[in-house]
Protein backbone atom coordinates (compact mmCIF):
# COMPACT_ATOMS: atom_id res chain seq x y z
CA UNK A 1 -43.89 -26.65 17.54
CA UNK A 2 -44.56 -23.00 18.49
CA UNK A 3 -48.14 -21.86 17.84
CA UNK A 4 -46.98 -19.56 15.07
CA UNK A 5 -45.63 -22.55 13.14
CA UNK A 6 -48.72 -24.81 13.41
CA UNK A 7 -50.22 -25.90 10.14
CA UNK A 8 -53.26 -23.98 9.00
CA UNK A 9 -52.64 -20.94 11.21
CA UNK A 10 -51.48 -17.53 10.03
CA UNK A 11 -48.93 -16.37 12.60
CA UNK A 12 -47.85 -12.86 13.42
CA UNK A 13 -44.33 -12.01 12.30
CA UNK A 14 -43.81 -10.28 15.62
CA UNK A 15 -44.28 -13.63 17.36
CA UNK A 16 -41.45 -15.38 15.59
CA UNK A 17 -38.70 -16.70 17.88
CA UNK A 18 -35.91 -14.11 18.22
CA UNK A 19 -33.26 -16.42 16.77
CA UNK A 20 -35.37 -17.05 13.66
CA UNK A 21 -36.17 -13.35 13.24
CA UNK A 22 -32.48 -12.53 13.61
CA UNK A 23 -31.62 -15.05 10.88
CA UNK A 24 -34.17 -13.43 8.54
CA UNK A 25 -33.07 -9.86 9.23
CA UNK A 26 -29.41 -10.70 8.64
CA UNK A 27 -30.29 -11.39 5.01
CA UNK A 28 -31.64 -7.94 4.20
CA UNK A 29 -28.57 -5.83 5.00
CA UNK A 30 -27.74 -3.22 7.61
CA UNK A 31 -29.28 -0.31 5.72
CA UNK A 32 -32.75 -1.89 5.48
CA UNK A 33 -32.58 -3.07 9.09
CA UNK A 34 -31.81 0.38 10.49
CA UNK A 35 -34.00 2.34 8.08
CA UNK A 36 -37.02 0.03 7.96
CA UNK A 37 -37.12 -3.29 9.80
CA UNK A 38 -36.42 -1.99 13.30
CA UNK A 39 -39.39 0.39 12.98
CA UNK A 40 -41.96 -2.33 12.34
CA UNK A 41 -42.69 -3.23 15.95
CA UNK A 42 -41.16 -3.41 19.42
CA UNK A 43 -40.21 -7.08 19.18
CA UNK A 44 -38.34 -6.49 15.92
CA UNK A 45 -36.59 -3.49 17.42
CA UNK A 46 -35.42 -5.60 20.36
CA UNK A 47 -33.94 -8.13 17.96
CA UNK A 48 -32.34 -5.36 15.88
CA UNK A 49 -30.60 -3.94 18.96
CA UNK A 50 -29.02 -7.26 19.90
CA UNK A 51 -25.21 -6.99 19.39
CA UNK A 52 -25.13 -10.50 17.91
CA UNK A 53 -27.11 -9.13 14.95
CA UNK A 54 -24.17 -6.91 14.07
CA UNK A 55 -21.18 -9.22 14.01
CA UNK A 56 -21.48 -9.04 10.21
CA UNK A 57 -22.44 -5.75 8.54
CA UNK A 58 -23.32 -5.48 4.85
CA UNK A 59 -23.30 -1.84 3.71
CA UNK A 60 -23.24 -2.49 -0.01
CA UNK A 61 -25.60 -0.43 -2.16
CA UNK A 62 -26.28 0.43 -5.79
CA UNK A 63 -23.93 3.43 -5.72
CA UNK A 64 -26.59 6.04 -6.46
CA UNK A 65 -25.73 8.11 -3.39
CA UNK A 66 -27.44 11.30 -4.57
CA UNK A 67 -30.86 9.65 -4.56
CA UNK A 68 -30.51 8.25 -1.04
CA UNK A 69 -32.63 9.87 1.65
CA UNK A 70 -30.12 8.88 4.32
CA UNK A 71 -26.40 9.27 4.95
CA UNK A 72 -24.78 5.82 4.51
CA UNK A 73 -21.78 6.80 6.65
CA UNK A 74 -24.04 7.68 9.59
CA UNK A 75 -25.94 4.42 9.11
CA UNK A 76 -22.65 2.50 9.08
CA UNK A 77 -21.46 4.14 12.29
CA UNK A 78 -24.74 3.21 14.00
CA UNK A 79 -24.34 -0.38 12.86
CA UNK A 80 -20.77 -0.52 14.18
CA UNK A 81 -21.92 0.91 17.51
CA UNK A 82 -24.64 -1.75 17.73
CA UNK A 83 -21.99 -4.48 17.45
CA UNK A 84 -20.43 -3.34 20.76
CA UNK A 85 -16.97 -4.45 19.69
CA UNK A 86 -18.01 -7.85 18.32
CA UNK A 87 -17.85 -6.91 14.62
CA UNK A 88 -15.94 -9.55 12.62
CA UNK A 89 -16.96 -8.81 9.02
CA UNK A 90 -17.98 -5.67 7.15
CA UNK A 91 -18.65 -4.84 3.48
CA UNK A 92 -18.63 -1.20 2.35
CA UNK A 93 -19.47 0.04 -1.13
CA UNK A 94 -19.12 3.47 -2.78
CA UNK A 95 -18.98 5.71 0.28
CA UNK A 96 -16.06 4.66 2.51
CA UNK A 97 -13.87 7.46 3.85
CA UNK A 98 -10.70 7.65 5.92
CA UNK A 99 -12.65 8.83 8.97
CA UNK A 100 -15.17 6.01 8.69
CA UNK A 101 -12.50 3.36 8.29
CA UNK A 102 -10.66 4.63 11.36
CA UNK A 103 -13.96 4.73 13.29
CA UNK A 104 -14.51 1.07 12.47
CA UNK A 105 -10.95 0.05 13.33
CA UNK A 106 -10.94 1.80 16.71
CA UNK A 107 -14.17 0.06 17.76
CA UNK A 108 -13.63 -3.33 16.12
CA UNK A 109 -10.29 -4.82 17.09
CA UNK A 110 -11.73 -8.31 16.47
CA UNK A 111 -12.45 -7.57 12.81
CA UNK A 112 -11.49 -10.48 10.57
CA UNK A 113 -12.86 -9.45 7.18
CA UNK A 114 -12.98 -6.07 5.43
CA UNK A 115 -14.37 -5.55 1.94
CA UNK A 116 -14.02 -2.15 0.27
CA UNK A 117 -15.74 -1.72 -3.09
CA UNK A 118 -15.41 1.37 -5.28
CA UNK A 119 -14.53 3.68 -2.38
CA UNK A 120 -12.93 6.49 -4.36
CA UNK A 121 -12.39 8.89 -1.44
CA UNK A 122 -10.13 6.59 0.57
CA UNK A 123 -6.47 7.54 0.79
CA UNK A 124 -3.44 5.34 1.30
CA UNK A 125 -2.63 7.20 4.52
CA UNK A 126 -6.14 6.75 5.91
CA UNK A 127 -6.18 3.05 5.10
CA UNK A 128 -2.79 2.48 6.70
CA UNK A 129 -3.81 4.37 9.86
CA UNK A 130 -6.80 2.05 10.23
CA UNK A 131 -5.30 -1.31 9.27
CA UNK A 132 -2.56 -1.18 11.90
CA UNK A 133 -5.37 -1.42 14.47
CA UNK A 134 -6.63 -4.73 13.03
CA UNK A 135 -4.06 -7.40 13.99
CA UNK A 136 -6.56 -10.28 13.71
CA UNK A 137 -7.50 -9.49 10.14
CA UNK A 138 -7.71 -12.51 7.78
CA UNK A 139 -9.65 -11.44 4.67
CA UNK A 140 -9.13 -8.18 2.79
CA UNK A 141 -10.69 -6.98 -0.44
CA UNK A 142 -9.90 -3.64 -2.08
CA UNK A 143 -11.68 -3.44 -5.43
CA UNK A 144 -11.83 -0.38 -7.69
CA UNK A 145 -10.79 1.94 -4.87
CA UNK A 146 -8.53 4.98 -4.95
CA UNK A 147 -5.62 3.36 -3.09
CA UNK A 148 -2.64 3.54 -5.36
CA UNK A 149 0.69 3.02 -3.61
CA UNK A 150 2.18 -0.34 -2.72
CA UNK A 151 2.86 0.95 0.81
CA UNK A 152 -0.76 0.29 1.80
CA UNK A 153 -0.25 -3.38 0.94
CA UNK A 154 3.00 -3.57 2.87
CA UNK A 155 1.32 -2.03 5.91
CA UNK A 156 -1.58 -4.49 5.65
CA UNK A 157 0.77 -7.44 5.39
CA UNK A 158 2.99 -6.32 8.25
CA UNK A 159 0.05 -5.43 10.53
CA UNK A 160 -2.07 -8.51 9.77
CA UNK A 161 0.12 -11.62 10.07
CA UNK A 162 -2.97 -13.88 9.83
CA UNK A 163 -3.98 -12.57 6.41
CA UNK A 164 -5.18 -15.49 4.29
CA UNK A 165 -7.24 -13.86 1.53
CA UNK A 166 -6.46 -10.80 -0.57
CA UNK A 167 -8.59 -9.49 -3.42
CA UNK A 168 -7.06 -6.51 -5.19
CA UNK A 169 -9.15 -5.82 -8.28
CA UNK A 170 -9.04 -2.94 -10.74
CA UNK A 171 -9.60 -1.90 -14.31
CA UNK A 172 -7.18 -3.80 -16.55
CA UNK A 173 -3.76 -2.16 -16.29
CA UNK A 174 -1.85 -1.93 -19.54
CA UNK A 175 1.47 -0.66 -18.23
CA UNK A 176 3.66 -3.29 -16.54
CA UNK A 177 3.97 -2.67 -12.81
CA UNK A 178 5.26 -5.21 -10.29
CA UNK A 179 5.28 -2.96 -7.22
CA UNK A 180 2.06 -4.34 -5.73
CA UNK A 181 3.00 -7.94 -6.50
CA UNK A 182 6.40 -7.50 -4.84
CA UNK A 183 4.76 -5.89 -1.79
CA UNK A 184 2.46 -8.92 -1.50
CA UNK A 185 5.40 -11.31 -1.83
CA UNK A 186 7.38 -9.40 0.79
CA UNK A 187 4.73 -9.17 3.51
CA UNK A 188 1.98 -11.81 3.00
CA UNK A 189 3.54 -15.28 3.17
CA UNK A 190 0.40 -16.85 4.65
CA UNK A 191 -1.91 -16.11 1.73
CA UNK A 192 -4.12 -18.96 0.55
CA UNK A 193 -6.44 -17.07 -1.77
CA UNK A 194 -5.28 -14.25 -4.05
CA UNK A 195 -7.28 -12.40 -6.68
CA UNK A 196 -5.50 -9.76 -8.77
CA UNK A 197 -8.03 -9.06 -11.51
CA UNK A 198 -6.67 -6.49 -13.96
CA UNK A 199 -3.33 -6.04 -12.21
CA UNK A 200 -0.27 -4.84 -14.11
CA UNK A 201 2.11 -7.47 -12.73
CA UNK A 202 4.51 -9.27 -15.03
CA UNK A 203 6.16 -12.67 -14.77
CA UNK A 204 8.65 -11.14 -12.35
CA UNK A 205 5.95 -10.22 -9.86
CA UNK A 206 4.06 -13.48 -10.34
CA UNK A 207 7.20 -15.53 -9.72
CA UNK A 208 7.91 -13.52 -6.58
CA UNK A 209 4.43 -14.32 -5.24
CA UNK A 210 4.79 -18.02 -6.02
CA UNK A 211 8.19 -18.06 -4.29
CA UNK A 212 7.01 -16.25 -1.16
CA UNK A 213 3.50 -17.70 -0.65
CA UNK A 214 3.88 -21.48 -0.26
CA UNK A 215 0.32 -21.99 1.04
CA UNK A 216 -1.40 -20.45 -1.98
CA UNK A 217 -4.23 -22.68 -3.25
CA UNK A 218 -6.35 -20.23 -5.27
CA UNK A 219 -4.95 -17.67 -7.71
CA UNK A 220 -7.02 -15.46 -10.00
CA UNK A 221 -5.00 -13.38 -12.47
CA UNK A 222 -7.68 -12.77 -15.07
CA UNK A 223 -7.08 -9.65 -17.17
CA UNK A 224 -3.47 -9.47 -15.99
CA UNK A 225 -2.46 -8.71 -19.52
CA UNK A 226 1.26 -8.24 -18.90
CA UNK A 227 1.78 -11.80 -17.73
CA UNK A 228 3.36 -13.99 -20.39
CA UNK A 229 1.50 -17.19 -19.59
CA UNK A 230 3.20 -19.49 -22.03
CA UNK A 231 5.70 -22.24 -21.39
CA UNK A 232 7.45 -22.32 -18.02
CA UNK A 233 5.22 -19.72 -16.36
CA UNK A 234 2.04 -21.64 -17.06
CA UNK A 235 3.66 -24.92 -16.03
CA UNK A 236 4.83 -23.50 -12.72
CA UNK A 237 1.42 -22.02 -11.89
CA UNK A 238 -0.39 -25.27 -12.60
CA UNK A 239 2.10 -27.17 -10.46
CA UNK A 240 1.92 -24.75 -7.53
CA UNK A 241 -1.73 -23.67 -7.42
CA UNK A 242 -4.73 -25.94 -7.07
CA UNK A 243 -7.33 -23.48 -8.41
CA UNK A 244 -6.03 -21.18 -11.14
CA UNK A 245 -7.78 -18.55 -13.25
CA UNK A 246 -5.58 -17.56 -16.18
CA UNK A 247 -5.20 -14.07 -17.72
CA UNK A 248 -7.57 -14.77 -20.62
CA UNK A 249 -10.06 -17.02 -18.84
CA UNK A 250 -13.78 -16.13 -19.11
CA UNK A 251 -15.04 -13.42 -16.75
CA UNK A 252 -18.75 -14.21 -16.79
CA UNK A 253 -18.65 -15.08 -13.09
CA UNK A 254 -16.72 -11.94 -12.15
CA UNK A 255 -18.94 -9.86 -9.80
CA UNK A 256 -18.12 -6.44 -11.26
CA UNK A 257 -18.70 -4.87 -14.62
CA UNK A 258 -15.07 -4.61 -15.65
CA UNK A 259 -13.97 -1.81 -17.90
CA UNK A 260 -12.95 -4.05 -20.71
CA UNK A 261 -10.53 -2.51 -23.15
CA UNK A 262 -7.82 -4.01 -25.28
CA UNK A 263 -4.12 -3.31 -25.40
CA UNK A 264 -4.63 -2.14 -28.97
CA UNK A 265 -7.14 0.51 -27.83
CA UNK A 266 -4.72 1.70 -25.16
CA UNK A 267 -1.87 1.91 -27.69
CA UNK A 268 -4.07 3.88 -30.07
CA UNK A 269 -4.92 6.39 -27.33
CA UNK A 270 -1.23 6.78 -26.45
CA UNK A 271 -0.35 7.45 -30.09
CA UNK A 272 -3.09 10.08 -30.37
CA UNK A 273 -1.84 11.82 -27.21
CA UNK A 274 1.73 11.87 -28.58
CA UNK A 275 0.53 13.37 -31.85
CA UNK A 276 -1.29 16.13 -29.96
CA UNK A 277 1.80 16.91 -27.88
CA UNK A 278 4.08 17.07 -30.94
CA UNK A 279 1.74 19.31 -32.92
CA UNK A 280 2.82 22.95 -33.30
CA UNK A 281 1.39 25.86 -35.22
CA UNK A 282 3.19 27.15 -38.28
CA UNK A 283 1.44 30.50 -38.11
CA UNK A 284 0.29 32.95 -35.47
CA UNK A 285 -0.33 31.41 -32.02
CA UNK A 286 -3.74 31.95 -30.48
CA UNK A 287 -3.70 33.48 -26.97
CA UNK A 288 -6.61 34.22 -24.66
CA UNK A 289 -6.09 37.18 -22.34
CA UNK A 290 -7.89 36.19 -19.12
CA UNK A 291 -7.50 39.57 -17.42
CA UNK A 292 -8.89 41.60 -20.31
CA UNK A 293 -11.24 38.90 -21.62
CA UNK A 294 -9.98 39.41 -25.14
CA UNK A 295 -8.47 37.32 -27.90
CA UNK A 296 -5.03 38.17 -29.23
CA UNK A 297 -2.43 36.54 -31.41
CA UNK A 298 1.30 36.21 -30.81
CA UNK A 299 3.35 35.85 -33.92
CA UNK A 300 5.28 32.60 -34.20
CA UNK A 301 8.00 34.49 -36.09
CA UNK A 302 9.10 36.55 -33.06
């Protein structure tokens, strides 16, 4: 047993074996490693510069970017550089951009897992430009991001033939929309795990996925409120999928604070918007003159 581990002795953290120190540092996240841990001592810095430390990068944070005294994108680029091309897994929360994603893709052709959480500045075009550079990709999560067109899913499926896991989570969608489900069915036949929390797919889209993804063993369609999960649809899902989370199953183990609303609330909002659009004045119409900064009235009788 190394001296530092002998009973009754208080060892120096700097004397820990490098492999043990690496295991400890991996648990605190890339931000704390680069901002704090590597500055403790020379031995820690040596461990923190080892490329094997950076095969997995966790850049998740609490989302309060304004209070950060560092730039998370710069930190992320440093972490990617440290990996020296051996990056296989990365999690990014709140700050991902098109430029950053492309930076990662260019330098990490061995990437297997990408998790994007609440990255509201990403564009479909930027994502597609990056994902075509990741042919070995197996696990993809896009949760509460700004990607909106089904083309980004088609590009991911076509560019990543080994894709086994897809998590596409959002606020509950109240309007039926099968475009994303059909894109998944068309391009991702090898999926084994699929999570579509809050998606707007209907039975049409769900049937297409079940038809096209024969290896699917885990399916999570909680809060997919446009799926009619009675009768034949429920029977088929239970027969085809080993682990199934149904539209109205509990969400207490769901990792995000979903924006829970009901279909009734959505319908009420739609009715209120229609009433506002249909409303017209029966008397003089109020007009604000921007150029002259004055209020005038145009007669409705003219």
